[in-house]
Amino acid sequence: MMLTLPISTKNCQANVAAGLIIGSHGNNQTDDQLALLTFKAQIIHDPLQVLNSWNSTINFCEWRSVVCGRQHQKVVVLDLQSHGLVGSLSPHFGNLSFLHTINLQNSSFQGGIPSEVGRLFRLRIFGLSNYSFTGEIPSNLSRCSNLQVFSIGYNKLSGIIPKELSSLQKLETLHLRENNLIGEIPDSLGNLSSLQLLNLSDNNLNGRIPNG
């Protein structure tokens, strides 16, 4: 069963009404625009043509599934769940410095999770379930100190669960189900005092369940 994240297009529209806007005047080549265009360049299949609006003829804040902040032209939400995208995740994603929600569930992304994601200090929701991501969980994700939801279940991730994740004191959901993770459950996960949901099932973990 897929974990449902607290983000949808309807929620994005509600955020707009509450003080966020989709769109702004001007069409400057900002870091955010370049990051999004690089992301698009690594998409090899877009069956619903959701990225057709992602071009330089209109402001990137008006692109489909992109939400920008009201007082600045910075991407704060990227909601591309259930669009059937196929491709890989660009390292330039780490340049979306104001991003607080990324939901890319239910598509087919390959390759690893770029370590540059660790630069997203404002990130609160990170949803990448139901993909084909490989490689290890970046340990520097611990720098995302505001992270509340980390959902990367149903992938092909390998390696251990980084003990560095224990520094995410605001983390409420840690969903790692159905990967190829190995090793023991870190004792330090007991330090996640805000944690409400922990799903580590269907991996290759061993050893004891920590008291914490």
Protein backbone atom coordinates (compact mmCIF):
# COMPACT_ATOMS: atom_id res chain seq x y z
CA MET A 1 0.00 0.00 0.00
CA MET A 2 1.37 3.37 -0.97
CA LEU A 3 1.81 6.04 1.67
CA THR A 4 -0.40 9.05 0.96
CA LEU A 5 1.42 12.32 1.45
CA PRO A 6 -0.31 15.50 2.65
CA ILE A 7 0.03 17.26 -0.68
CA SER A 8 -2.15 17.39 -3.79
CA THR A 9 -3.07 19.79 -6.53
CA LYS A 10 -6.08 20.78 -4.47
CA ASN A 11 -3.83 21.52 -1.52
CA CYS A 12 -1.59 23.59 -3.76
CA GLN A 13 -4.59 25.64 -4.83
CA ALA A 14 -5.55 26.10 -1.19
CA ASN A 15 -2.02 27.32 -0.46
CA VAL A 16 -2.39 29.83 -3.26
CA ALA A 17 -5.54 31.19 -1.67
CA ALA A 18 -3.79 31.33 1.68
CA GLY A 19 -0.94 33.48 0.46
CA LEU A 20 1.07 31.66 -2.23
CA ILE A 21 0.68 32.49 -5.88
CA ILE A 22 1.24 30.55 -9.05
CA GLY A 23 2.82 33.01 -11.42
CA SER A 24 4.51 36.38 -11.30
CA HIS A 25 5.58 39.07 -13.72
CA GLY A 26 8.88 38.88 -15.49
CA ASN A 27 10.78 36.01 -17.07
CA ASN A 28 14.31 36.18 -15.66
CA GLN A 29 16.67 33.22 -15.97
CA THR A 30 16.86 32.47 -12.26
CA ASP A 31 18.52 29.50 -10.59
CA ASP A 32 15.07 28.01 -10.02
CA GLN A 33 14.11 28.22 -13.68
CA LEU A 34 17.38 26.66 -14.79
CA ALA A 35 17.01 23.90 -12.20
CA LEU A 36 13.51 23.08 -13.46
CA LEU A 37 14.60 23.11 -17.11
CA THR A 38 17.47 20.76 -16.24
CA PHE A 39 14.97 18.50 -14.49
CA LYS A 40 12.77 18.52 -17.60
CA ALA A 41 15.77 17.72 -19.83
CA GLN A 42 16.27 14.45 -17.96
CA ILE A 43 12.65 13.33 -18.44
CA ILE A 44 12.51 10.87 -21.34
CA HIS A 45 8.78 10.11 -21.20
CA ASP A 46 5.95 12.45 -20.23
CA PRO A 47 2.73 10.61 -21.19
CA LEU A 48 0.39 13.30 -19.87
CA GLN A 49 2.50 16.11 -21.35
CA VAL A 50 2.53 17.80 -17.97
CA LEU A 51 5.86 19.48 -18.74
CA ASN A 52 4.73 21.08 -22.01
CA SER A 53 4.21 24.39 -20.25
CA TRP A 54 7.80 24.30 -18.96
CA ASN A 55 9.40 26.61 -21.50
CA SER A 56 10.94 30.06 -21.60
CA THR A 57 7.92 31.73 -23.20
CA ILE A 58 6.16 32.08 -19.84
CA ASN A 59 7.34 32.67 -16.30
CA PHE A 60 8.36 29.45 -14.57
CA CYS A 61 6.02 30.23 -11.66
CA GLU A 62 3.15 29.68 -14.12
CA TRP A 63 4.33 26.24 -15.15
CA ARG A 64 2.05 23.33 -14.36
CA SER A 65 2.59 21.68 -10.97
CA VAL A 66 4.90 24.50 -9.82
CA VAL A 67 4.00 26.80 -6.93
CA CYS A 68 6.04 29.90 -6.09
CA GLY A 69 6.05 32.09 -3.01
CA ARG A 70 4.00 35.26 -2.91
CA GLN A 71 6.82 37.68 -2.15
CA HIS A 72 9.51 36.15 -4.34
CA GLN A 73 9.90 34.17 -7.53
CA LYS A 74 11.13 31.04 -5.80
CA VAL A 75 9.69 27.54 -6.12
CA VAL A 76 8.21 26.31 -2.84
CA VAL A 77 6.13 23.32 -4.02
CA LEU A 78 6.71 20.87 -6.85
CA ASP A 79 3.84 18.39 -7.12
CA LEU A 80 4.31 15.94 -10.00
CA GLN A 81 2.79 12.86 -8.42
CA SER A 82 0.96 10.27 -10.55
CA HIS A 83 1.95 11.79 -13.90
CA GLY A 84 3.82 8.72 -15.13
CA LEU A 85 7.10 10.55 -15.71
CA VAL A 86 10.15 8.51 -16.71
CA GLY A 87 13.68 9.77 -16.30
CA SER A 88 16.24 10.64 -13.65
CA LEU A 89 16.54 13.28 -10.93
CA SER A 90 18.98 16.05 -11.79
CA PRO A 91 21.60 17.17 -9.23
CA HIS A 92 20.55 20.75 -10.07
CA PHE A 93 17.46 20.02 -7.99
CA GLY A 94 19.55 21.12 -5.03
CA ASN A 95 19.43 24.71 -6.35
CA LEU A 96 15.71 25.06 -5.49
CA SER A 97 16.70 26.72 -2.25
CA PHE A 98 13.18 27.70 -1.14
CA LEU A 99 11.58 24.32 -1.88
CA HIS A 100 9.61 22.92 1.07
CA THR A 101 7.54 20.21 -0.66
CA ILE A 102 8.50 17.79 -3.41
CA ASN A 103 6.08 15.03 -4.37
CA LEU A 104 7.14 12.83 -7.27
CA GLN A 105 5.32 9.64 -6.31
CA ASN A 106 4.01 7.06 -8.79
CA SER A 107 6.40 7.49 -11.70
CA SER A 108 9.50 5.68 -12.96
CA PHE A 109 12.66 7.52 -12.00
CA GLN A 110 15.96 5.69 -12.27
CA GLY A 111 19.41 6.34 -10.91
CA GLY A 112 20.26 7.64 -7.47
CA ILE A 113 18.95 10.34 -5.18
CA PRO A 114 21.40 13.24 -5.73
CA SER A 115 23.38 14.22 -2.65
CA GLU A 116 22.65 17.84 -3.60
CA VAL A 117 19.20 17.35 -2.06
CA GLY A 118 21.02 17.92 1.23
CA ARG A 119 21.20 21.62 0.32
CA LEU A 120 17.41 22.02 0.59
CA PHE A 121 17.37 23.43 4.11
CA ARG A 122 13.71 24.43 3.93
CA LEU A 123 12.49 21.02 2.75
CA ARG A 124 9.62 19.61 4.82
CA ILE A 125 8.03 16.92 2.60
CA PHE A 126 10.09 14.63 0.40
CA GLY A 127 8.02 11.99 -1.41
CA LEU A 128 9.68 9.65 -3.92
CA SER A 129 7.76 6.40 -3.41
CA ASN A 130 6.94 3.97 -6.23
CA TYR A 131 9.94 4.71 -8.38
CA SER A 132 13.00 2.69 -9.36
CA PHE A 133 15.62 4.72 -7.53
CA THR A 134 18.87 2.86 -6.88
CA GLY A 135 21.97 3.64 -4.86
CA GLU A 136 22.13 4.66 -1.21
CA ILE A 137 20.20 7.13 0.93
CA PRO A 138 22.34 10.30 1.02
CA SER A 139 23.65 10.76 4.55
CA ASN A 140 23.76 14.53 4.10
CA LEU A 141 19.97 14.53 3.99
CA SER A 142 20.47 15.16 7.71
CA ARG A 143 21.16 18.80 6.77
CA CYS A 144 17.46 19.20 5.87
CA SER A 145 16.69 20.09 9.47
CA ASN A 146 13.04 21.03 8.76
CA LEU A 147 12.18 17.68 7.15
CA GLN A 148 8.91 16.23 8.46
CA VAL A 149 8.06 13.51 5.88
CA PHE A 150 10.66 11.31 4.18
CA SER A 151 8.87 8.74 2.01
CA ILE A 152 10.99 6.67 -0.39
CA GLY A 153 9.28 3.28 -0.16
CA TYR A 154 8.94 0.83 -3.08
CA ASN A 155 12.28 1.61 -4.69
CA LYS A 156 15.53 -0.31 -5.18
CA LEU A 157 17.71 1.58 -2.74
CA SER A 158 20.59 -0.32 -1.18
CA GLY A 159 23.11 0.19 1.59
CA ILE A 160 22.40 0.96 5.22
CA ILE A 161 20.01 3.34 6.95
CA PRO A 162 22.26 6.35 7.64
CA LYS A 163 22.61 7.02 11.35
CA GLU A 164 22.79 10.71 10.46
CA LEU A 165 19.01 10.73 9.94
CA SER A 166 18.67 10.75 13.72
CA SER A 167 19.45 14.48 13.71
CA LEU A 168 16.13 15.23 11.96
CA GLN A 169 14.30 16.27 15.08
CA LYS A 170 11.18 17.43 13.20
CA LEU A 171 10.78 14.16 11.29
CA GLU A 172 7.29 12.69 11.72
CA THR A 173 7.22 10.05 8.95
CA LEU A 174 10.06 7.76 7.89
CA HIS A 175 8.82 5.40 5.17
CA LEU A 176 11.49 3.11 3.69
CA ARG A 177 9.40 0.05 2.90
CA GLU A 178 10.33 -2.37 0.06
CA ASN A 179 13.88 -1.43 -0.78
CA ASN A 180 17.11 -3.42 -0.59
CA LEU A 181 18.43 -1.85 2.59
CA ILE A 182 20.82 -3.95 4.66
CA GLY A 183 22.43 -3.86 8.09
CA GLU A 184 20.96 -3.05 11.46
CA ILE A 185 18.42 -0.45 12.48
CA PRO A 186 20.53 2.39 13.94
CA ASP A 187 20.15 2.84 17.70
CA SER A 188 20.13 6.58 17.07
CA LEU A 189 16.68 6.44 15.40
CA GLY A 190 15.35 6.38 18.95
CA ASN A 191 16.32 10.06 19.13
CA LEU A 192 13.60 10.99 16.62
CA SER A 193 11.23 12.30 19.27
CA SER A 194 8.71 13.68 16.74
CA LEU A 195 8.40 10.42 14.80
CA GLN A 196 4.83 9.14 14.39
CA LEU A 197 5.17 6.64 11.52
CA LEU A 198 8.11 4.30 10.94
CA ASN A 199 7.94 1.69 8.16
CA LEU A 200 11.07 -0.37 7.46
CA SER A 201 9.34 -3.55 6.29
CA ASP A 202 10.35 -5.69 3.30
CA ASN A 203 14.05 -4.84 3.34
CA ASN A 204 17.07 -7.00 4.16
CA LEU A 205 17.68 -5.61 7.64
CA ASN A 206 19.12 -7.81 10.36
CA GLY A 207 20.11 -7.71 14.01
CA ARG A 208 18.02 -6.59 16.93
CA ILE A 209 15.33 -3.97 17.22
CA PRO A 210 16.91 -1.13 19.23
CA ASN A 211 15.37 -0.37 22.61
CA GLY A 212 15.07 3.28 21.58
